[in-house]
Amino acid sequence: MGENQTMVAEFILLGFRLGPRIQMLLFGLFSLFYTLTLLGNGIILGLISLDSRLHTPMYFFLSHLAIVDIAYACNTVPQMLVNLLNPAKPISFAGCITQTFLFDIYCH
């Protein structure tokens, strides 16, 4: 019974059919949003850690919110940017499981 098994190596992400100009526009737009997200949350974390007046419970939770926002963005956006540039759009099985696991960890 164990002879007819297949291992999944990668998944092909289909998404929407977009022209190359729209893909480049979306790539630029999402790259800008990704950069602004990392920069904004990094500034929040830097200011909270540098100013001792901001070491209060409200800013403690705000810093954790910034860390979670960075984690969400770093979990999903890079693969999406790769998919916008790569016409085949593959993702490995291990990469898919890792991304799903990390996304689930951040939600709970």
PDB file of N, CA and C in Angstrom:
ATOM      1  N   MET A   1       0.796  -1.186   0.000  1.00  0.00           N
ATOM      2  CA  MET A   1       0.000   0.000   0.000  1.00  0.00           C
ATOM      3  C   MET A   1       0.842   1.255   0.000  1.00  0.00           C
ATOM      4  N   GLY A   2       2.074   1.217   0.412  1.00  0.00           N
ATOM      5  CA  GLY A   2       2.916   2.396   0.503  1.00  0.00           C
ATOM      6  C   GLY A   2       3.632   2.724  -0.796  1.00  0.00           C
ATOM      7  N   GLU A   3       3.372   1.993  -1.891  1.00  0.00           N
ATOM      8  CA  GLU A   3       4.101   2.235  -3.128  1.00  0.00           C
ATOM      9  C   GLU A   3       3.572   3.419  -3.925  1.00  0.00           C
ATOM     10  N   ASN A   4       2.331   3.805  -3.739  1.00  0.00           N
ATOM     11  CA  ASN A   4       1.719   4.839  -4.553  1.00  0.00           C
ATOM     12  C   ASN A   4       1.624   6.150  -3.766  1.00  0.00           C
ATOM     13  N   GLN A   5       2.787   6.715  -3.419  1.00  0.00           N
ATOM     14  CA  GLN A   5       2.817   7.965  -2.669  1.00  0.00           C
ATOM     15  C   GLN A   5       3.607   9.003  -3.453  1.00  0.00           C
ATOM     16  N   THR A   6       3.185  10.241  -3.356  1.00  0.00           N
ATOM     17  CA  THR A   6       3.851  11.329  -4.044  1.00  0.00           C
ATOM     18  C   THR A   6       4.233  12.394  -3.030  1.00  0.00           C
ATOM     19  N   MET A   7       5.459  12.880  -3.115  1.00  0.00           N
ATOM     20  CA  MET A   7       5.928  13.957  -2.251  1.00  0.00           C
ATOM     21  C   MET A   7       5.698  15.293  -2.957  1.00  0.00           C
ATOM     22  N   VAL A   8       5.162  16.254  -2.249  1.00  0.00           N
ATOM     23  CA  VAL A   8       4.959  17.584  -2.795  1.00  0.00           C
ATOM     24  C   VAL A   8       6.231  18.385  -2.566  1.00  0.00           C
ATOM     25  N   ALA A   9       6.823  18.895  -3.648  1.00  0.00           N
ATOM     26  CA  ALA A   9       8.057  19.661  -3.537  1.00  0.00           C
ATOM     27  C   ALA A   9       7.790  21.167  -3.519  1.00  0.00           C
ATOM     28  N   GLU A  10       6.822  21.601  -4.322  1.00  0.00           N
ATOM     29  CA  GLU A  10       6.510  23.024  -4.364  1.00  0.00           C
ATOM     30  C   GLU A  10       5.088  23.244  -4.846  1.00  0.00           C
ATOM     31  N   PHE A  11       4.584  24.436  -4.577  1.00  0.00           N
ATOM     32  CA  PHE A  11       3.271  24.840  -5.044  1.00  0.00           C
ATOM     33  C   PHE A  11       3.455  25.954  -6.065  1.00  0.00           C
ATOM     34  N   ILE A  12       2.562  26.012  -7.032  1.00  0.00           N
ATOM     35  CA  ILE A  12       2.558  27.100  -8.002  1.00  0.00           C
ATOM     36  C   ILE A  12       1.400  28.027  -7.629  1.00  0.00           C
ATOM     37  N   LEU A  13       1.720  29.273  -7.331  1.00  0.00           N
ATOM     38  CA  LEU A  13       0.708  30.254  -6.960  1.00  0.00           C
ATOM     39  C   LEU A  13       0.196  30.927  -8.230  1.00  0.00           C
ATOM     40  N   LEU A  14      -1.091  30.809  -8.491  1.00  0.00           N
ATOM     41  CA  LEU A  14      -1.645  31.352  -9.723  1.00  0.00           C
ATOM     42  C   LEU A  14      -1.979  32.840  -9.599  1.00  0.00           C
ATOM     43  N   GLY A  15      -2.756  33.224  -8.641  1.00  0.00           N
ATOM     44  CA  GLY A  15      -3.109  34.623  -8.470  1.00  0.00           C
ATOM     45  C   GLY A  15      -3.939  35.144  -9.625  1.00  0.00           C
ATOM     46  N   PHE A  16      -3.906  36.443  -9.820  1.00  0.00           N
ATOM     47  CA  PHE A  16      -4.633  37.072 -10.909  1.00  0.00           C
ATOM     48  C   PHE A  16      -3.710  37.248 -12.101  1.00  0.00           C
ATOM     49  N   ARG A  17      -4.274  37.182 -13.298  1.00  0.00           N
ATOM     50  CA  ARG A  17      -3.484  37.432 -14.499  1.00  0.00           C
ATOM     51  C   ARG A  17      -3.352  38.933 -14.680  1.00  0.00           C
ATOM     52  N   LEU A  18      -2.124  39.416 -14.608  1.00  0.00           N
ATOM     53  CA  LEU A  18      -1.842  40.833 -14.748  1.00  0.00           C
ATOM     54  C   LEU A  18      -0.773  41.016 -15.814  1.00  0.00           C
ATOM     55  N   GLY A  19      -0.840  42.137 -16.482  1.00  0.00           N
ATOM     56  CA  GLY A  19       0.191  42.464 -17.459  1.00  0.00           C
ATOM     57  C   GLY A  19       1.488  42.848 -16.764  1.00  0.00           C
ATOM     58  N   PRO A  20       2.597  42.818 -17.514  1.00  0.00           N
ATOM     59  CA  PRO A  20       3.897  43.126 -16.903  1.00  0.00           C
ATOM     60  C   PRO A  20       3.981  44.559 -16.361  1.00  0.00           C
ATOM     61  N   ARG A  21       3.301  45.503 -16.996  1.00  0.00           N
ATOM     62  CA  ARG A  21       3.346  46.894 -16.519  1.00  0.00           C
ATOM     63  C   ARG A  21       2.622  47.024 -15.180  1.00  0.00           C
ATOM     64  N   ILE A  22       1.490  46.349 -15.056  1.00  0.00           N
ATOM     65  CA  ILE A  22       0.741  46.393 -13.790  1.00  0.00           C
ATOM     66  C   ILE A  22       1.532  45.687 -12.695  1.00  0.00           C
ATOM     67  N   GLN A  23       2.194  44.567 -13.033  1.00  0.00           N
ATOM     68  CA  GLN A  23       3.004  43.855 -12.045  1.00  0.00           C
ATOM     69  C   GLN A  23       4.145  44.737 -11.538  1.00  0.00           C
ATOM     70  N   MET A  24       4.791  45.470 -12.428  1.00  0.00           N
ATOM     71  CA  MET A  24       5.877  46.352 -12.004  1.00  0.00           C
ATOM     72  C   MET A  24       5.340  47.511 -11.162  1.00  0.00           C
ATOM     73  N   LEU A  25       4.173  48.031 -11.520  1.00  0.00           N
ATOM     74  CA  LEU A  25       3.555  49.096 -10.725  1.00  0.00           C
ATOM     75  C   LEU A  25       3.226  48.586  -9.324  1.00  0.00           C
ATOM     76  N   LEU A  26       2.626  47.395  -9.247  1.00  0.00           N
ATOM     77  CA  LEU A  26       2.300  46.811  -7.945  1.00  0.00           C
ATOM     78  C   LEU A  26       3.566  46.495  -7.149  1.00  0.00           C
ATOM     79  N   PHE A  27       4.602  46.023  -7.840  1.00  0.00           N
ATOM     80  CA  PHE A  27       5.864  45.737  -7.158  1.00  0.00           C
ATOM     81  C   PHE A  27       6.422  47.013  -6.532  1.00  0.00           C
ATOM     82  N   GLY A  28       6.435  48.092  -7.273  1.00  0.00           N
ATOM     83  CA  GLY A  28       6.926  49.357  -6.741  1.00  0.00           C
ATOM     84  C   GLY A  28       6.076  49.873  -5.596  1.00  0.00           C
ATOM     85  N   LEU A  29       4.758  49.776  -5.745  1.00  0.00           N
ATOM     86  CA  LEU A  29       3.844  50.253  -4.719  1.00  0.00           C
ATOM     87  C   LEU A  29       3.984  49.453  -3.428  1.00  0.00           C
ATOM     88  N   PHE A  30       3.995  48.111  -3.540  1.00  0.00           N
ATOM     89  CA  PHE A  30       4.126  47.279  -2.347  1.00  0.00           C
ATOM     90  C   PHE A  30       5.525  47.372  -1.733  1.00  0.00           C
ATOM     91  N   SER A  31       6.537  47.569  -2.555  1.00  0.00           N
ATOM     92  CA  SER A  31       7.892  47.783  -2.013  1.00  0.00           C
ATOM     93  C   SER A  31       7.940  49.064  -1.197  1.00  0.00           C
ATOM     94  N   LEU A  32       7.283  50.115  -1.709  1.00  0.00           N
ATOM     95  CA  LEU A  32       7.234  51.378  -0.980  1.00  0.00           C
ATOM     96  C   LEU A  32       6.488  51.208   0.339  1.00  0.00           C
ATOM     97  N   PHE A  33       5.325  50.546   0.312  1.00  0.00           N
ATOM     98  CA  PHE A  33       4.566  50.320   1.543  1.00  0.00           C
ATOM     99  C   PHE A  33       5.354  49.474   2.542  1.00  0.00           C
ATOM    100  N   TYR A  34       6.057  48.461   2.038  1.00  0.00           N
ATOM    101  CA  TYR A  34       6.865  47.592   2.905  1.00  0.00           C
ATOM    102  C   TYR A  34       7.976  48.399   3.576  1.00  0.00           C
ATOM    103  N   THR A  35       8.645  49.216   2.795  1.00  0.00           N
ATOM    104  CA  THR A  35       9.728  50.043   3.330  1.00  0.00           C
ATOM    105  C   THR A  35       9.191  51.034   4.363  1.00  0.00           C
ATOM    106  N   LEU A  36       8.063  51.666   4.058  1.00  0.00           N
ATOM    107  CA  LEU A  36       7.479  52.613   5.006  1.00  0.00           C
ATOM    108  C   LEU A  36       7.017  51.923   6.292  1.00  0.00           C
ATOM    109  N   THR A  37       6.500  50.709   6.165  1.00  0.00           N
ATOM    110  CA  THR A  37       6.091  49.955   7.350  1.00  0.00           C
ATOM    111  C   THR A  37       7.287  49.653   8.243  1.00  0.00           C
ATOM    112  N   LEU A  38       8.365  49.160   7.639  1.00  0.00           N
ATOM    113  CA  LEU A  38       9.561  48.852   8.426  1.00  0.00           C
ATOM    114  C   LEU A  38      10.177  50.108   9.018  1.00  0.00           C
ATOM    115  N   LEU A  39      10.226  51.166   8.223  1.00  0.00           N
ATOM    116  CA  LEU A  39      10.820  52.410   8.699  1.00  0.00           C
ATOM    117  C   LEU A  39       9.987  53.035   9.822  1.00  0.00           C
ATOM    118  N   GLY A  40       8.677  53.105   9.633  1.00  0.00           N
ATOM    119  CA  GLY A  40       7.810  53.698  10.652  1.00  0.00           C
ATOM    120  C   GLY A  40       7.831  52.939  11.956  1.00  0.00           C
ATOM    121  N   ASN A  41       7.717  51.632  11.879  1.00  0.00           N
ATOM    122  CA  ASN A  41       7.748  50.827  13.110  1.00  0.00           C
ATOM    123  C   ASN A  41       9.130  50.836  13.748  1.00  0.00           C
ATOM    124  N   GLY A  42      10.164  50.904  12.937  1.00  0.00           N
ATOM    125  CA  GLY A  42      11.523  51.007  13.482  1.00  0.00           C
ATOM    126  C   GLY A  42      11.732  52.319  14.214  1.00  0.00           C
ATOM    127  N   ILE A  43      11.177  53.402  13.660  1.00  0.00           N
ATOM    128  CA  ILE A  43      11.273  54.699  14.341  1.00  0.00           C
ATOM    129  C   ILE A  43      10.511  54.664  15.660  1.00  0.00           C
ATOM    130  N   ILE A  44       9.334  54.061  15.654  1.00  0.00           N
ATOM    131  CA  ILE A  44       8.567  53.940  16.904  1.00  0.00           C
ATOM    132  C   ILE A  44       9.367  53.173  17.950  1.00  0.00           C
ATOM    133  N   LEU A  45       9.947  52.041  17.549  1.00  0.00           N
ATOM    134  CA  LEU A  45      10.735  51.243  18.501  1.00  0.00           C
ATOM    135  C   LEU A  45      11.963  52.009  18.981  1.00  0.00           C
ATOM    136  N   GLY A  46      12.618  52.702  18.061  1.00  0.00           N
ATOM    137  CA  GLY A  46      13.808  53.470  18.441  1.00  0.00           C
ATOM    138  C   GLY A  46      13.487  54.589  19.411  1.00  0.00           C
ATOM    139  N   LEU A  47      12.431  55.337  19.142  1.00  0.00           N
ATOM    140  CA  LEU A  47      12.059  56.435  20.039  1.00  0.00           C
ATOM    141  C   LEU A  47      11.655  55.932  21.420  1.00  0.00           C
ATOM    142  N   ILE A  48      10.901  54.839  21.448  1.00  0.00           N
ATOM    143  CA  ILE A  48      10.480  54.297  22.746  1.00  0.00           C
ATOM    144  C   ILE A  48      11.679  53.803  23.547  1.00  0.00           C
ATOM    145  N   SER A  49      12.637  53.193  22.875  1.00  0.00           N
ATOM    146  CA  SER A  49      13.792  52.668  23.626  1.00  0.00           C
ATOM    147  C   SER A  49      14.765  53.771  24.041  1.00  0.00           C
ATOM    148  N   LEU A  50      14.823  54.880  23.281  1.00  0.00           N
ATOM    149  CA  LEU A  50      15.784  55.935  23.600  1.00  0.00           C
ATOM    150  C   LEU A  50      15.287  56.926  24.652  1.00  0.00           C
ATOM    151  N   ASP A  51      13.989  57.190  24.691  1.00  0.00           N
ATOM    152  CA  ASP A  51      13.445  58.180  25.620  1.00  0.00           C
ATOM    153  C   ASP A  51      12.904  57.480  26.865  1.00  0.00           C
ATOM    154  N   SER A  52      13.501  57.771  28.000  1.00  0.00           N
ATOM    155  CA  SER A  52      13.097  57.091  29.236  1.00  0.00           C
ATOM    156  C   SER A  52      11.697  57.510  29.689  1.00  0.00           C
ATOM    157  N   ARG A  53      11.204  58.666  29.236  1.00  0.00           N
ATOM    158  CA  ARG A  53       9.844  59.081  29.594  1.00  0.00           C
ATOM    159  C   ARG A  53       8.794  58.195  28.924  1.00  0.00           C
ATOM    160  N   LEU A  54       9.192  57.473  27.885  1.00  0.00           N
ATOM    161  CA  LEU A  54       8.256  56.610  27.166  1.00  0.00           C
ATOM    162  C   LEU A  54       8.287  55.167  27.663  1.00  0.00           C
ATOM    163  N   HIS A  55       8.902  54.937  28.792  1.00  0.00           N
ATOM    164  CA  HIS A  55       8.944  53.586  29.364  1.00  0.00           C
ATOM    165  C   HIS A  55       7.763  53.386  30.295  1.00  0.00           C
ATOM    166  N   THR A  56       6.578  53.545  29.750  1.00  0.00           N
ATOM    167  CA  THR A  56       5.342  53.350  30.496  1.00  0.00           C
ATOM    168  C   THR A  56       4.584  52.190  29.871  1.00  0.00           C
ATOM    169  N   PRO A  57       3.580  51.655  30.566  1.00  0.00           N
ATOM    170  CA  PRO A  57       2.862  50.500  30.019  1.00  0.00           C
ATOM    171  C   PRO A  57       2.237  50.741  28.643  1.00  0.00           C
ATOM    172  N   MET A  58       1.725  51.945  28.398  1.00  0.00           N
ATOM    173  CA  MET A  58       1.112  52.207  27.103  1.00  0.00           C
ATOM    174  C   MET A  58       2.146  52.068  25.977  1.00  0.00           C
ATOM    175  N   TYR A  59       3.327  52.624  26.171  1.00  0.00           N
ATOM    176  CA  TYR A  59       4.357  52.537  25.144  1.00  0.00           C
ATOM    177  C   TYR A  59       4.982  51.146  25.077  1.00  0.00           C
ATOM    178  N   PHE A  60       4.940  50.422  26.186  1.00  0.00           N
ATOM    179  CA  PHE A  60       5.373  49.025  26.168  1.00  0.00           C
ATOM    180  C   PHE A  60       4.496  48.221  25.208  1.00  0.00           C
ATOM    181  N   PHE A  61       3.180  48.409  25.310  1.00  0.00           N
ATOM    182  CA  PHE A  61       2.269  47.695  24.412  1.00  0.00           C
ATOM    183  C   PHE A  61       2.349  48.232  22.992  1.00  0.00           C
ATOM    184  N   LEU A  62       2.596  49.515  22.842  1.00  0.00           N
ATOM    185  CA  LEU A  62       2.772  50.089  21.515  1.00  0.00           C
ATOM    186  C   LEU A  62       4.014  49.522  20.833  1.00  0.00           C
ATOM    187  N   SER A  63       5.074  49.306  21.600  1.00  0.00           N
ATOM    188  CA  SER A  63       6.285  48.717  21.017  1.00  0.00           C
ATOM    189  C   SER A  63       6.037  47.267  20.602  1.00  0.00           C
ATOM    190  N   HIS A  64       5.249  46.544  21.381  1.00  0.00           N
ATOM    191  CA  HIS A  64       4.923  45.174  20.998  1.00  0.00           C
ATOM    192  C   HIS A  64       4.046  45.138  19.755  1.00  0.00           C
ATOM    193  N   LEU A  65       3.153  46.097  19.634  1.00  0.00           N
ATOM    194  CA  LEU A  65       2.341  46.205  18.430  1.00  0.00           C
ATOM    195  C   LEU A  65       3.216  46.484  17.213  1.00  0.00           C
ATOM    196  N   ALA A  66       4.222  47.336  17.365  1.00  0.00           N
ATOM    197  CA  ALA A  66       5.144  47.617  16.268  1.00  0.00           C
ATOM    198  C   ALA A  66       5.944  46.373  15.891  1.00  0.00           C
ATOM    199  N   ILE A  67       6.352  45.588  16.877  1.00  0.00           N
ATOM    200  CA  ILE A  67       7.095  44.356  16.599  1.00  0.00           C
ATOM    201  C   ILE A  67       6.220  43.358  15.856  1.00  0.00           C
ATOM    202  N   VAL A  68       4.972  43.217  16.265  1.00  0.00           N
ATOM    203  CA  VAL A  68       4.054  42.295  15.580  1.00  0.00           C
ATOM    204  C   VAL A  68       3.794  42.766  14.148  1.00  0.00           C
ATOM    205  N   ASP A  69       3.661  44.074  13.952  1.00  0.00           N
ATOM    206  CA  ASP A  69       3.447  44.606  12.606  1.00  0.00           C
ATOM    207  C   ASP A  69       4.651  44.326  11.716  1.00  0.00           C
ATOM    208  N   ILE A  70       5.851  44.482  12.250  1.00  0.00           N
ATOM    209  CA  ILE A  70       7.063  44.158  11.485  1.00  0.00           C
ATOM    210  C   ILE A  70       7.095  42.665  11.161  1.00  0.00           C
ATOM    211  N   ALA A  71       6.724  41.835  12.129  1.00  0.00           N
ATOM    212  CA  ALA A  71       6.747  40.382  11.912  1.00  0.00           C
ATOM    213  C   ALA A  71       5.750  39.970  10.833  1.00  0.00           C
ATOM    214  N   TYR A  72       4.547  40.549  10.856  1.00  0.00           N
ATOM    215  CA  TYR A  72       3.555  40.242   9.811  1.00  0.00           C
ATOM    216  C   TYR A  72       4.079  40.650   8.439  1.00  0.00           C
ATOM    217  N   ALA A  73       4.607  41.856   8.362  1.00  0.00           N
ATOM    218  CA  ALA A  73       5.089  42.352   7.074  1.00  0.00           C
ATOM    219  C   ALA A  73       6.256  41.515   6.559  1.00  0.00           C
ATOM    220  N   CYS A  74       7.180  41.150   7.437  1.00  0.00           N
ATOM    221  CA  CYS A  74       8.344  40.360   7.007  1.00  0.00           C
ATOM    222  C   CYS A  74       7.980  38.914   6.698  1.00  0.00           C
ATOM    223  N   ASN A  75       6.822  38.473   7.143  1.00  0.00           N
ATOM    224  CA  ASN A  75       6.392  37.109   6.883  1.00  0.00           C
ATOM    225  C   ASN A  75       5.742  36.965   5.514  1.00  0.00           C
ATOM    226  N   THR A  76       4.976  37.945   5.080  1.00  0.00           N
ATOM    227  CA  THR A  76       4.173  37.782   3.867  1.00  0.00           C
ATOM    228  C   THR A  76       4.651  38.602   2.679  1.00  0.00           C
ATOM    229  N   VAL A  77       5.098  39.815   2.901  1.00  0.00           N
ATOM    230  CA  VAL A  77       5.376  40.720   1.782  1.00  0.00           C
ATOM    231  C   VAL A  77       6.565  40.275   0.921  1.00  0.00           C
ATOM    232  N   PRO A  78       7.692  39.813   1.459  1.00  0.00           N
ATOM    233  CA  PRO A  78       8.796  39.423   0.566  1.00  0.00           C
ATOM    234  C   PRO A  78       8.411  38.336  -0.446  1.00  0.00           C
ATOM    235  N   GLN A  79       7.652  37.331  -0.030  1.00  0.00           N
ATOM    236  CA  GLN A  79       7.229  36.288  -0.967  1.00  0.00           C
ATOM    237  C   GLN A  79       6.284  36.868  -2.020  1.00  0.00           C
ATOM    238  N   MET A  80       5.436  37.795  -1.619  1.00  0.00           N
ATOM    239  CA  MET A  80       4.540  38.433  -2.577  1.00  0.00           C
ATOM    240  C   MET A  80       5.329  39.246  -3.598  1.00  0.00           C
ATOM    241  N   LEU A  81       6.376  39.937  -3.165  1.00  0.00           N
ATOM    242  CA  LEU A  81       7.205  40.705  -4.090  1.00  0.00           C
ATOM    243  C   LEU A  81       7.934  39.791  -5.066  1.00  0.00           C
ATOM    244  N   VAL A  82       8.409  38.660  -4.580  1.00  0.00           N
ATOM    245  CA  VAL A  82       9.051  37.688  -5.465  1.00  0.00           C
ATOM    246  C   VAL A  82       8.054  37.172  -6.495  1.00  0.00           C
ATOM    247  N   ASN A  83       6.828  36.912  -6.056  1.00  0.00           N
ATOM    248  CA  ASN A  83       5.808  36.403  -6.978  1.00  0.00           C
ATOM    249  C   ASN A  83       5.419  37.420  -8.033  1.00  0.00           C
ATOM    250  N   LEU A  84       5.517  38.696  -7.720  1.00  0.00           N
ATOM    251  CA  LEU A  84       5.211  39.711  -8.719  1.00  0.00           C
ATOM    252  C   LEU A  84       6.276  39.771  -9.809  1.00  0.00           C
ATOM    253  N   LEU A  85       7.497  39.377  -9.486  1.00  0.00           N
ATOM    254  CA  LEU A  85       8.586  39.436 -10.472  1.00  0.00           C
ATOM    255  C   LEU A  85       8.815  38.121 -11.193  1.00  0.00           C
ATOM    256  N   ASN A  86       8.460  37.012 -10.594  1.00  0.00           N
ATOM    257  CA  ASN A  86       8.727  35.693 -11.169  1.00  0.00           C
ATOM    258  C   ASN A  86       7.485  35.193 -11.898  1.00  0.00           C
ATOM    259  N   PRO A  87       7.575  34.911 -13.203  1.00  0.00           N
ATOM    260  CA  PRO A  87       6.373  34.467 -13.928  1.00  0.00           C
ATOM    261  C   PRO A  87       5.874  33.086 -13.496  1.00  0.00           C
ATOM    262  N   ALA A  88       6.757  32.213 -12.985  1.00  0.00           N
ATOM    263  CA  ALA A  88       6.335  30.858 -12.598  1.00  0.00           C
ATOM    264  C   ALA A  88       5.631  30.861 -11.238  1.00  0.00           C
ATOM    265  N   LYS A  89       6.022  31.741 -10.342  1.00  0.00           N
ATOM    266  CA  LYS A  89       5.442  31.894  -9.006  1.00  0.00           C
ATOM    267  C   LYS A  89       5.450  30.620  -8.154  1.00  0.00           C
ATOM    268  N   PRO A  90       6.595  29.932  -8.060  1.00  0.00           N
ATOM    269  CA  PRO A  90       6.613  28.746  -7.183  1.00  0.00           C
ATOM    270  C   PRO A  90       6.939  29.133  -5.739  1.00  0.00           C
ATOM    271  N   ILE A  91       6.459  28.323  -4.815  1.00  0.00           N
ATOM    272  CA  ILE A  91       6.868  28.414  -3.414  1.00  0.00           C
ATOM    273  C   ILE A  91       7.106  26.982  -2.950  1.00  0.00           C
ATOM    274  N   SER A  92       8.218  26.761  -2.276  1.00  0.00           N
ATOM    275  CA  SER A  92       8.540  25.408  -1.835  1.00  0.00           C
ATOM    276  C   SER A  92       7.568  24.972  -0.746  1.00  0.00           C
ATOM    277  N   PHE A  93       7.467  23.679  -0.582  1.00  0.00           N
ATOM    278  CA  PHE A  93       6.589  23.131   0.456  1.00  0.00           C
ATOM    279  C   PHE A  93       7.052  23.587   1.830  1.00  0.00           C
ATOM    280  N   ALA A  94       8.371  23.524   2.066  1.00  0.00           N
ATOM    281  CA  ALA A  94       8.909  23.952   3.362  1.00  0.00           C
ATOM    282  C   ALA A  94       8.663  25.443   3.582  1.00  0.00           C
ATOM    283  N   GLY A  95       8.815  26.250   2.538  1.00  0.00           N
ATOM    284  CA  GLY A  95       8.559  27.682   2.654  1.00  0.00           C
ATOM    285  C   GLY A  95       7.106  27.974   2.942  1.00  0.00           C
ATOM    286  N   CYS A  96       6.215  27.231   2.303  1.00  0.00           N
ATOM    287  CA  CYS A  96       4.774  27.410   2.524  1.00  0.00           C
ATOM    288  C   CYS A  96       4.392  27.039   3.949  1.00  0.00           C
ATOM    289  N   ILE A  97       4.898  25.913   4.419  1.00  0.00           N
ATOM    290  CA  ILE A  97       4.600  25.475   5.790  1.00  0.00           C
ATOM    291  C   ILE A  97       5.181  26.457   6.803  1.00  0.00           C
ATOM    292  N   THR A  98       6.400  26.947   6.552  1.00  0.00           N
ATOM    293  CA  THR A  98       7.027  27.906   7.461  1.00  0.00           C
ATOM    294  C   THR A  98       6.236  29.199   7.514  1.00  0.00           C
ATOM    295  N   GLN A  99       5.837  29.706   6.344  1.00  0.00           N
ATOM    296  CA  GLN A  99       5.068  30.948   6.310  1.00  0.00           C
ATOM    297  C   GLN A  99       3.725  30.775   7.015  1.00  0.00           C
ATOM    298  N   THR A 100       3.054  29.671   6.798  1.00  0.00           N
ATOM    299  CA  THR A 100       1.777  29.407   7.458  1.00  0.00           C
ATOM    300  C   THR A 100       1.957  29.287   8.968  1.00  0.00           C
ATOM    301  N   PHE A 101       3.003  28.585   9.388  1.00  0.00           N
ATOM    302  CA  PHE A 101       3.277  28.417  10.814  1.00  0.00           C
ATOM    303  C   PHE A 101       3.542  29.761  11.480  1.00  0.00           C
ATOM    304  N   LEU A 102       4.402  30.589  10.877  1.00  0.00           N
ATOM    305  CA  LEU A 102       4.727  31.883  11.461  1.00  0.00           C
ATOM    306  C   LEU A 102       3.510  32.804  11.494  1.00  0.00           C
ATOM    307  N   PHE A 103       2.718  32.791  10.435  1.00  0.00           N
ATOM    308  CA  PHE A 103       1.516  33.616  10.413  1.00  0.00           C
ATOM    309  C   PHE A 103       0.549  33.179  11.506  1.00  0.00           C
ATOM    310  N   ASP A 104       0.430  31.864  11.726  1.00  0.00           N
ATOM    311  CA  ASP A 104      -0.452  31.359  12.762  1.00  0.00           C
ATOM    312  C   ASP A 104       0.079  31.686  14.149  1.00  0.00           C
ATOM    313  N   ILE A 105       1.385  31.642  14.327  1.00  0.00           N
ATOM    314  CA  ILE A 105       1.991  31.989  15.616  1.00  0.00           C
ATOM    315  C   ILE A 105       1.706  33.441  15.965  1.00  0.00           C
ATOM    316  N   TYR A 106       1.809  34.338  14.977  1.00  0.00           N
ATOM    317  CA  TYR A 106       1.570  35.749  15.242  1.00  0.00           C
ATOM    318  C   TYR A 106       0.103  36.016  15.572  1.00  0.00           C
ATOM    319  N   CYS A 107      -0.808  35.226  15.020  1.00  0.00           N
ATOM    320  CA  CYS A 107      -2.237  35.455  15.277  1.00  0.00           C
ATOM    321  C   CYS A 107      -2.644  35.018  16.666  1.00  0.00           C
ATOM    322  N   HIS A 108      -1.931  34.087  17.238  1.00  0.00           N
ATOM    323  CA  HIS A 108      -2.351  33.564  18.541  1.00  0.00           C
ATOM    324  C   HIS A 108      -1.344  33.919  19.552  1.00  0.00           C
TER     325      HIS A 108
END
